[in-house]
Amino acid sequence: MQEHISLNCKKWTCKVRKALFSPALEDYTAILNYKNCVSMRFLLVFLMLLFLMDLICQVVFFRFIEFGYCIYMLMGIGFMALIYYAFIRETGNAFPRKPAIEDESAAGNSAIRQTHLPTIILYIFEILILLFTAFLQTALNPGDMPIIFLILLIILPMLIFDQIWRVYLMILFVSAVYLTSASLILSSEAYGPILIYVLMDDVISLTWSGIIIYSRTVSLQTNGITETYASHDGLTGILNRRGGDALITNCITNGVPGAFIIFDIDNFKHINDTYGHQRGDEILKAVASCLSSSFRKEDIVTRLGGDEFLVYAIRMVDRKFVESKLADVENNLHTIAIDAQNGDHVTASIGCSINDGTYIDYSALFRTADHMLYNVKQNGKDSFAVKDASFRNQP
């Protein structure tokens, strides 16, 4: 019985730890930052509209105009607009492209990639709103409950896309600062009920925020697994044509230069016919692994299908360096043995077209690299041919 209880306790502890400290979220930095950008801008626009509506209501419906109050409202709207403008300048365009899950490993992504700045700004802004609301209500009506603060303490954390423990830390920090300050300002009779209400509100906020953020995390991971299966080759584990074409097209469209390289395993049909399809699959896996290790992490390695592979080597545009790199890759491929007994090893024909970043047509790059590949096959295979960016000036 005790062992069963201990086992259940360990299981639930593991689940809670996994929910609070989900390392998988760190793999989706660009998506989280995009969503926090949207939340921050929504919050700023909402506050500007709230200030403006309050000002209009004072003038139109209540027929009451206080010059000082109007100045404060206009200053608030101007301050929010200034923050909005500064936020856009720091994080990119007003409406950035939503990154796909598969874009996380691609080079040349948006400016908000691999930075936590939008998330940090959102945290700071929400903390300031909560504390300002709490202290304003306490200063104006010391004996009353800070209703707006308690409501915002439940709503605002749900706008943040981040680890649950960080959101929890923000909720507890704001509550602790407010309660500590209120204990110094209010009498013990007034402070007691506020303490109880704030603690009850913390429980609701922590529970509700935890449920919302955990469901988002599960959804993000599920979508990530789906995207991975859809964009990756089931046999080799590298990008398939769909996934690779999307990333390479994104790079080319955004002017990211690189070497567009097509690899074709020589005599692969003979390998399948002589050694069997199982051995052929093992060769494909070995070639994919060799290409992945031969190029850098930011380079895009793709299996086009069959015995063809495609690599877009980011910012690799120097012709001599590209030729030296391809010679090294050829030597690495030669180390893959087809039949160790008779000394057969893998060879490949390689065609390469270099994009200096000014050419934005995927099809033209592919045609040129494929033409280089064809020339290599016509001249005995097991070699490479490179053409630089000057190809685009030719008919």
Protein backbone atom coordinates (compact mmCIF):
# COMPACT_ATOMS: atom_id res chain seq x y z
CA MET A 1 0.00 0.00 0.00
CA GLN A 2 2.78 2.41 0.97
CA GLU A 3 4.70 1.53 -2.19
CA HIS A 4 1.58 2.24 -4.29
CA ILE A 5 1.09 5.63 -2.60
CA SER A 6 4.77 6.45 -3.02
CA LEU A 7 4.64 5.49 -6.69
CA ASN A 8 1.56 7.69 -7.26
CA CYS A 9 3.23 10.59 -5.44
CA LYS A 10 6.32 10.28 -7.63
CA LYS A 11 4.15 10.11 -10.75
CA TRP A 12 2.22 13.25 -9.83
CA THR A 13 5.39 15.05 -8.78
CA CYS A 14 6.89 14.25 -12.16
CA LYS A 15 3.77 15.54 -13.95
CA VAL A 16 3.73 18.78 -11.92
CA ARG A 17 7.44 19.35 -12.53
CA LYS A 18 6.99 18.71 -16.25
CA ALA A 19 4.06 21.14 -16.40
CA LEU A 20 5.84 23.91 -14.45
CA PHE A 21 9.24 23.53 -16.09
CA SER A 22 8.44 22.42 -19.63
CA PRO A 23 11.78 22.35 -21.50
CA ALA A 24 9.95 21.72 -24.77
CA LEU A 25 8.75 25.35 -24.84
CA GLU A 26 12.35 26.52 -25.29
CA ASP A 27 12.22 24.90 -28.75
CA TYR A 28 9.48 27.32 -29.83
CA THR A 29 11.06 30.66 -28.97
CA ALA A 30 10.01 32.41 -32.18
CA ILE A 31 6.37 31.32 -31.85
CA LEU A 32 6.16 32.32 -28.17
CA ASN A 33 7.68 35.71 -28.92
CA TYR A 34 5.28 36.22 -31.81
CA LYS A 35 2.30 35.48 -29.57
CA ASN A 36 3.64 37.74 -26.81
CA CYS A 37 4.11 40.49 -29.40
CA VAL A 38 0.45 40.11 -30.34
CA SER A 39 -0.59 40.12 -26.66
CA MET A 40 1.47 43.25 -25.93
CA ARG A 41 0.04 45.14 -28.88
CA PHE A 42 -3.49 44.03 -28.04
CA LEU A 43 -3.02 45.26 -24.47
CA LEU A 44 -1.66 48.64 -25.59
CA VAL A 45 -4.45 49.19 -28.14
CA PHE A 46 -7.07 48.11 -25.57
CA LEU A 47 -5.75 50.60 -23.00
CA MET A 48 -5.66 53.43 -25.55
CA LEU A 49 -9.26 52.70 -26.53
CA LEU A 50 -10.27 52.48 -22.86
CA PHE A 51 -8.77 55.90 -22.13
CA LEU A 52 -10.39 57.36 -25.24
CA MET A 53 -13.83 55.89 -24.45
CA ASP A 54 -13.63 57.20 -20.89
CA LEU A 55 -12.81 60.67 -22.21
CA ILE A 56 -15.68 60.56 -24.73
CA CYS A 57 -18.15 59.37 -22.08
CA GLN A 58 -17.16 62.22 -19.76
CA VAL A 59 -17.76 64.76 -22.52
CA VAL A 60 -20.79 63.33 -24.33
CA PHE A 61 -22.86 61.44 -21.76
CA PHE A 62 -22.08 63.12 -18.45
CA ARG A 63 -21.78 66.64 -19.86
CA PHE A 64 -18.93 67.14 -17.47
CA ILE A 65 -15.59 68.43 -18.62
CA GLU A 66 -12.73 68.82 -16.18
CA PHE A 67 -9.72 70.30 -17.89
CA GLY A 68 -7.17 68.56 -15.66
CA TYR A 69 -8.87 65.17 -16.09
CA CYS A 70 -8.92 65.56 -19.88
CA ILE A 71 -5.22 66.41 -19.86
CA TYR A 72 -4.47 63.27 -17.84
CA MET A 73 -6.49 61.12 -20.26
CA LEU A 74 -4.77 62.61 -23.30
CA MET A 75 -1.38 62.15 -21.65
CA GLY A 76 -2.27 58.51 -20.97
CA ILE A 77 -3.27 57.93 -24.59
CA GLY A 78 -0.10 59.63 -25.82
CA PHE A 79 2.03 57.59 -23.42
CA MET A 80 0.47 54.33 -24.64
CA ALA A 81 0.96 55.35 -28.27
CA LEU A 82 4.61 56.15 -27.54
CA ILE A 83 5.15 52.74 -25.93
CA TYR A 84 3.43 51.07 -28.89
CA TYR A 85 5.70 52.88 -31.34
CA ALA A 86 8.83 52.02 -29.33
CA PHE A 87 7.74 48.39 -29.02
CA ILE A 88 7.23 48.10 -32.78
CA ARG A 89 10.67 49.57 -33.43
CA GLU A 90 12.30 47.10 -31.05
CA THR A 91 10.49 43.95 -32.19
CA GLY A 92 9.98 44.45 -35.90
CA ASN A 93 7.06 45.30 -38.13
CA ALA A 94 3.65 46.19 -36.74
CA PHE A 95 2.27 42.81 -37.75
CA PRO A 96 5.15 40.29 -38.05
CA ARG A 97 4.74 37.08 -40.00
CA LYS A 98 3.70 34.24 -37.75
CA PRO A 99 6.60 31.77 -37.81
CA ALA A 100 5.86 28.16 -38.60
CA ILE A 101 6.98 25.54 -36.11
CA GLU A 102 9.38 24.14 -38.69
CA ASP A 103 10.98 27.62 -39.02
CA GLU A 104 12.57 27.32 -35.59
CA SER A 105 15.74 25.78 -37.00
CA ALA A 106 15.88 27.88 -40.14
CA ALA A 107 18.32 30.72 -40.55
CA GLY A 108 17.20 34.14 -41.67
CA ASN A 109 14.03 34.23 -39.61
CA SER A 110 12.33 37.34 -38.30
CA ALA A 111 14.01 39.80 -35.95
CA ILE A 112 12.17 38.47 -32.91
CA ARG A 113 13.77 35.02 -33.26
CA GLN A 114 16.08 33.83 -30.45
CA THR A 115 15.37 36.81 -28.22
CA HIS A 116 13.09 37.01 -25.18
CA LEU A 117 12.68 40.80 -25.45
CA PRO A 118 8.92 40.83 -26.31
CA THR A 119 8.19 38.44 -23.44
CA ILE A 120 10.27 40.46 -20.95
CA ILE A 121 8.57 43.72 -22.01
CA LEU A 122 5.13 42.11 -21.61
CA TYR A 123 6.00 40.92 -18.10
CA ILE A 124 7.24 44.36 -17.04
CA PHE A 125 4.25 46.14 -18.56
CA GLU A 126 1.71 43.84 -16.87
CA ILE A 127 3.46 44.18 -13.50
CA LEU A 128 3.37 47.99 -13.79
CA ILE A 129 -0.34 47.94 -14.74
CA LEU A 130 -1.23 45.67 -11.81
CA LEU A 131 0.75 47.63 -9.22
CA PHE A 132 -0.45 51.00 -10.52
CA THR A 133 -4.09 49.85 -10.42
CA ALA A 134 -3.73 48.43 -6.92
CA PHE A 135 -2.01 51.46 -5.41
CA LEU A 136 -4.37 53.90 -7.17
CA GLN A 137 -7.43 52.15 -5.76
CA THR A 138 -5.86 51.95 -2.30
CA ALA A 139 -4.92 55.63 -2.34
CA LEU A 140 -8.36 56.81 -3.56
CA ASN A 141 -10.46 54.42 -1.45
CA PRO A 142 -8.30 52.96 1.35
CA GLY A 143 -11.10 50.98 2.95
CA ASP A 144 -12.53 49.43 -0.22
CA MET A 145 -11.59 46.22 -1.95
CA PRO A 146 -9.25 46.68 -4.95
CA ILE A 147 -11.79 45.04 -7.27
CA ILE A 148 -10.18 46.09 -10.55
CA PHE A 149 -6.78 44.88 -9.33
CA LEU A 150 -8.21 41.50 -8.35
CA ILE A 151 -9.91 41.11 -11.75
CA LEU A 152 -6.78 42.11 -13.67
CA LEU A 153 -4.69 39.71 -11.59
CA ILE A 154 -6.78 36.89 -13.06
CA ILE A 155 -7.01 38.16 -16.65
CA LEU A 156 -3.59 39.63 -17.47
CA PRO A 157 -1.42 36.53 -16.75
CA MET A 158 -3.47 34.60 -19.32
CA LEU A 159 -2.14 36.92 -22.06
CA ILE A 160 1.42 35.66 -21.50
CA PHE A 161 2.80 32.73 -23.49
CA ASP A 162 5.66 31.36 -21.40
CA GLN A 163 6.70 28.77 -18.83
CA ILE A 164 4.06 28.29 -16.11
CA TRP A 165 6.53 28.84 -13.27
CA ARG A 166 7.49 32.28 -14.60
CA VAL A 167 3.85 33.35 -14.81
CA TYR A 168 3.29 32.02 -11.28
CA LEU A 169 6.32 33.96 -10.09
CA MET A 170 4.89 37.19 -11.54
CA ILE A 171 1.50 36.65 -9.86
CA LEU A 172 3.07 35.94 -6.46
CA PHE A 173 5.54 38.83 -6.80
CA VAL A 174 2.80 41.39 -7.56
CA SER A 175 0.62 40.07 -4.75
CA ALA A 176 3.52 40.14 -2.26
CA VAL A 177 4.50 43.71 -3.19
CA TYR A 178 0.92 44.91 -2.91
CA LEU A 179 0.20 43.15 0.39
CA THR A 180 3.47 44.38 1.92
CA SER A 181 2.73 47.96 0.91
CA ALA A 182 -0.92 47.73 1.99
CA SER A 183 0.13 46.48 5.44
CA LEU A 184 2.12 49.69 5.90
CA ILE A 185 -0.68 51.98 4.69
CA LEU A 186 -3.89 50.41 5.99
CA SER A 187 -5.05 49.71 9.51
CA SER A 188 -5.19 46.13 10.74
CA GLU A 189 -9.02 46.14 10.52
CA ALA A 190 -8.94 47.19 6.85
CA TYR A 191 -5.94 45.03 5.97
CA GLY A 192 -7.40 41.71 7.20
CA PRO A 193 -10.23 41.37 4.63
CA ILE A 194 -7.95 42.57 1.81
CA LEU A 195 -5.37 39.92 2.72
CA ILE A 196 -8.02 37.19 2.57
CA TYR A 197 -9.42 38.38 -0.76
CA VAL A 198 -6.00 38.73 -2.36
CA LEU A 199 -4.98 35.23 -1.24
CA MET A 200 -8.25 33.79 -2.62
CA ASP A 201 -7.68 35.69 -5.85
CA ASP A 202 -4.14 34.28 -6.06
CA VAL A 203 -5.49 30.74 -5.84
CA ILE A 204 -7.98 31.43 -8.65
CA SER A 205 -5.35 33.18 -10.79
CA LEU A 206 -2.72 30.47 -10.29
CA THR A 207 -5.21 27.69 -11.04
CA TRP A 208 -6.79 29.32 -14.07
CA SER A 209 -3.48 30.51 -15.55
CA GLY A 210 -1.97 27.07 -15.01
CA ILE A 211 -4.84 25.36 -16.86
CA ILE A 212 -4.74 27.82 -19.78
CA ILE A 213 -0.95 27.79 -20.20
CA TYR A 214 -0.70 24.00 -19.84
CA SER A 215 -3.35 23.51 -22.54
CA ARG A 216 -1.41 25.88 -24.80
CA THR A 217 1.79 23.93 -24.16
CA VAL A 218 0.15 20.61 -25.01
CA SER A 219 -1.38 22.13 -28.16
CA LEU A 220 1.96 23.60 -29.23
CA GLN A 221 3.77 20.29 -28.70
CA THR A 222 1.04 18.37 -30.54
CA ASN A 223 1.21 20.78 -33.47
CA GLY A 224 5.00 20.52 -33.35
CA ILE A 225 4.88 16.73 -33.61
CA THR A 226 2.37 16.98 -36.48
CA GLU A 227 4.54 19.53 -38.29
CA THR A 228 7.61 17.36 -37.74
CA TYR A 229 5.95 14.32 -39.29
CA ALA A 230 4.64 16.41 -42.17
CA SER A 231 7.94 18.16 -42.93
CA HIS A 232 10.50 15.41 -42.17
CA ASP A 233 11.45 12.26 -44.04
CA GLY A 234 10.31 9.16 -42.20
CA LEU A 235 13.32 7.06 -43.20
CA THR A 236 16.27 9.40 -42.69
CA GLY A 237 14.83 11.86 -40.15
CA ILE A 238 15.96 14.94 -42.10
CA LEU A 239 13.64 17.41 -43.84
CA ASN A 240 11.57 16.06 -46.70
CA ARG A 241 10.95 17.98 -49.92
CA ARG A 242 7.92 19.81 -48.51
CA GLY A 243 9.72 20.98 -45.40
CA GLY A 244 13.02 21.74 -47.12
CA ASP A 245 11.48 23.64 -50.03
CA ALA A 246 9.51 25.85 -47.62
CA LEU A 247 12.60 26.80 -45.60
CA ILE A 248 14.85 27.31 -48.62
CA THR A 249 12.21 29.40 -50.40
CA ASN A 250 11.88 31.51 -47.25
CA CYS A 251 15.64 32.09 -47.19
CA ILE A 252 15.84 32.93 -50.90
CA THR A 253 12.83 35.26 -50.74
CA ASN A 254 14.39 37.14 -47.79
CA GLY A 255 17.67 37.57 -49.64
CA VAL A 256 19.70 35.10 -47.57
CA PRO A 257 22.68 34.07 -49.78
CA GLY A 258 23.96 30.51 -49.95
CA ALA A 259 25.06 27.53 -51.99
CA PHE A 260 22.22 25.50 -53.53
CA ILE A 261 23.58 21.95 -53.78
CA ILE A 262 21.95 18.79 -55.21
CA PHE A 263 23.42 15.37 -54.37
CA ASP A 264 22.59 12.22 -56.36
CA ILE A 265 23.90 8.86 -55.14
CA ASP A 266 25.62 7.13 -58.05
CA ASN A 267 24.25 3.76 -59.21
CA PHE A 268 21.72 3.53 -56.40
CA LYS A 269 19.46 1.23 -58.42
CA HIS A 270 22.39 -1.17 -58.75
CA ILE A 271 22.85 -1.05 -54.94
CA ASN A 272 19.20 -1.95 -54.41
CA ASP A 273 19.26 -4.71 -57.03
CA THR A 274 22.53 -6.24 -55.81
CA TYR A 275 22.37 -5.85 -52.03
CA GLY A 276 18.63 -5.51 -51.44
CA HIS A 277 16.32 -2.67 -50.49
CA GLN A 278 17.12 -2.99 -46.79
CA ARG A 279 20.78 -2.26 -47.53
CA GLY A 280 19.63 0.56 -49.80
CA ASP A 281 17.68 2.12 -46.92
CA GLU A 282 20.75 1.83 -44.68
CA ILE A 283 22.81 3.64 -47.33
CA LEU A 284 20.23 6.44 -47.52
CA LYS A 285 20.31 6.84 -43.73
CA ALA A 286 24.11 6.90 -43.74
CA VAL A 287 24.21 9.52 -46.51
CA ALA A 288 21.68 11.70 -44.69
CA SER A 289 23.73 11.45 -41.51
CA CYS A 290 26.93 12.23 -43.41
CA LEU A 291 25.44 15.34 -45.02
CA SER A 292 24.00 16.56 -41.70
CA SER A 293 27.35 16.21 -39.96
CA SER A 294 29.32 17.65 -42.90
CA PHE A 295 27.36 20.90 -42.94
CA ARG A 296 26.54 23.35 -40.16
CA LYS A 297 23.48 23.33 -37.96
CA GLU A 298 21.98 26.39 -39.70
CA ASP A 299 22.34 24.81 -43.16
CA ILE A 300 19.19 23.18 -44.56
CA VAL A 301 19.63 19.49 -45.39
CA THR A 302 16.76 17.89 -47.32
CA ARG A 303 15.92 14.58 -48.92
CA LEU A 304 14.22 15.32 -52.23
CA GLY A 305 13.13 11.72 -52.69
CA GLY A 306 14.68 8.48 -53.89
CA ASP A 307 18.47 8.87 -53.96
CA GLU A 308 18.53 12.68 -54.27
CA PHE A 309 19.39 15.15 -51.50
CA LEU A 310 19.43 18.94 -51.42
CA VAL A 311 21.45 21.28 -49.19
CA TYR A 312 21.17 25.05 -48.92
CA ALA A 313 24.40 26.15 -47.22
CA ILE A 314 23.61 29.49 -45.62
CA ARG A 315 25.95 32.36 -46.65
CA MET A 316 28.40 29.98 -48.31
CA VAL A 317 29.03 32.03 -51.47
CA ASP A 318 32.80 32.01 -52.02
CA ARG A 319 33.38 29.69 -55.01
CA LYS A 320 36.77 28.37 -53.86
CA PHE A 321 35.44 27.66 -50.38
CA VAL A 322 32.37 25.91 -51.83
CA GLU A 323 34.53 23.72 -54.05
CA SER A 324 36.79 22.86 -51.10
CA LYS A 325 33.72 22.03 -49.00
CA LEU A 326 32.24 19.78 -51.67
CA ALA A 327 35.58 17.93 -52.02
CA ASP A 328 35.51 17.28 -48.26
CA VAL A 329 31.91 16.06 -48.43
CA GLU A 330 32.84 13.72 -51.29
CA ASN A 331 35.62 12.23 -49.17
CA ASN A 332 33.19 11.81 -46.27
CA LEU A 333 30.73 10.00 -48.54
CA HIS A 334 33.51 7.67 -49.71
CA THR A 335 33.86 6.42 -46.12
CA ILE A 336 30.36 4.88 -46.32
CA ALA A 337 30.94 1.25 -47.29
CA ILE A 338 28.43 -0.52 -49.49
CA ASP A 339 30.22 -3.87 -49.27
CA ALA A 340 33.30 -3.94 -47.04
CA GLN A 341 34.50 -7.23 -48.53
CA ASN A 342 34.97 -6.02 -52.11
CA GLY A 343 35.69 -2.39 -51.18
CA ASP A 344 32.58 -0.83 -52.73
CA HIS A 345 31.76 2.57 -51.25
CA VAL A 346 29.26 5.34 -51.83
CA THR A 347 29.93 7.96 -54.50
CA ALA A 348 27.73 10.87 -55.50
CA SER A 349 27.30 13.31 -58.36
CA ILE A 350 26.94 16.89 -57.10
CA GLY A 351 25.60 19.99 -58.83
CA CYS A 352 25.79 23.42 -57.18
CA SER A 353 24.52 26.91 -57.98
CA ILE A 354 25.69 29.79 -55.80
CA ASN A 355 23.16 32.46 -54.85
CA ASP A 356 24.72 35.76 -53.76
CA GLY A 357 21.44 36.89 -52.17
CA THR A 358 20.16 39.02 -55.03
CA TYR A 359 18.40 36.19 -56.85
CA ILE A 360 15.00 35.27 -55.44
CA ASP A 361 13.86 32.48 -57.77
CA TYR A 362 13.99 28.97 -56.27
CA SER A 363 13.17 27.35 -59.61
CA ALA A 364 16.09 29.00 -61.41
CA LEU A 365 18.53 27.94 -58.70
CA PHE A 366 17.20 24.38 -58.88
CA ARG A 367 17.42 24.28 -62.69
CA THR A 368 21.01 25.52 -62.67
CA ALA A 369 22.13 23.09 -59.96
CA ASP A 370 20.34 20.26 -61.74
CA HIS A 371 22.09 21.21 -65.00
CA MET A 372 25.46 21.09 -63.21
CA LEU A 373 24.49 17.68 -61.81
CA TYR A 374 23.63 16.45 -65.31
CA ASN A 375 27.06 17.55 -66.60
CA VAL A 376 28.78 15.61 -63.81
CA LYS A 377 26.80 12.45 -64.65
CA GLN A 378 27.68 12.82 -68.32
CA ASN A 379 31.37 13.06 -67.44
CA GLY A 380 31.78 9.93 -65.34
CA LYS A 381 29.94 10.72 -62.05
CA ASP A 382 31.63 10.85 -58.59
CA SER A 383 32.47 14.53 -58.89
CA PHE A 384 30.95 18.00 -58.56
CA ALA A 385 30.34 21.09 -60.68
CA VAL A 386 29.74 24.61 -59.37
CA LYS A 387 28.24 27.66 -61.06
CA ASP A 388 28.24 31.07 -59.38
CA ALA A 389 25.51 33.73 -59.36
CA SER A 390 26.44 35.00 -62.83
CA PHE A 391 24.11 32.30 -64.25
CA ARG A 392 21.13 34.62 -63.82
CA ASN A 393 22.51 37.00 -66.43
CA GLN A 394 22.56 34.24 -69.01
CA PRO A 395 19.61 33.28 -71.20
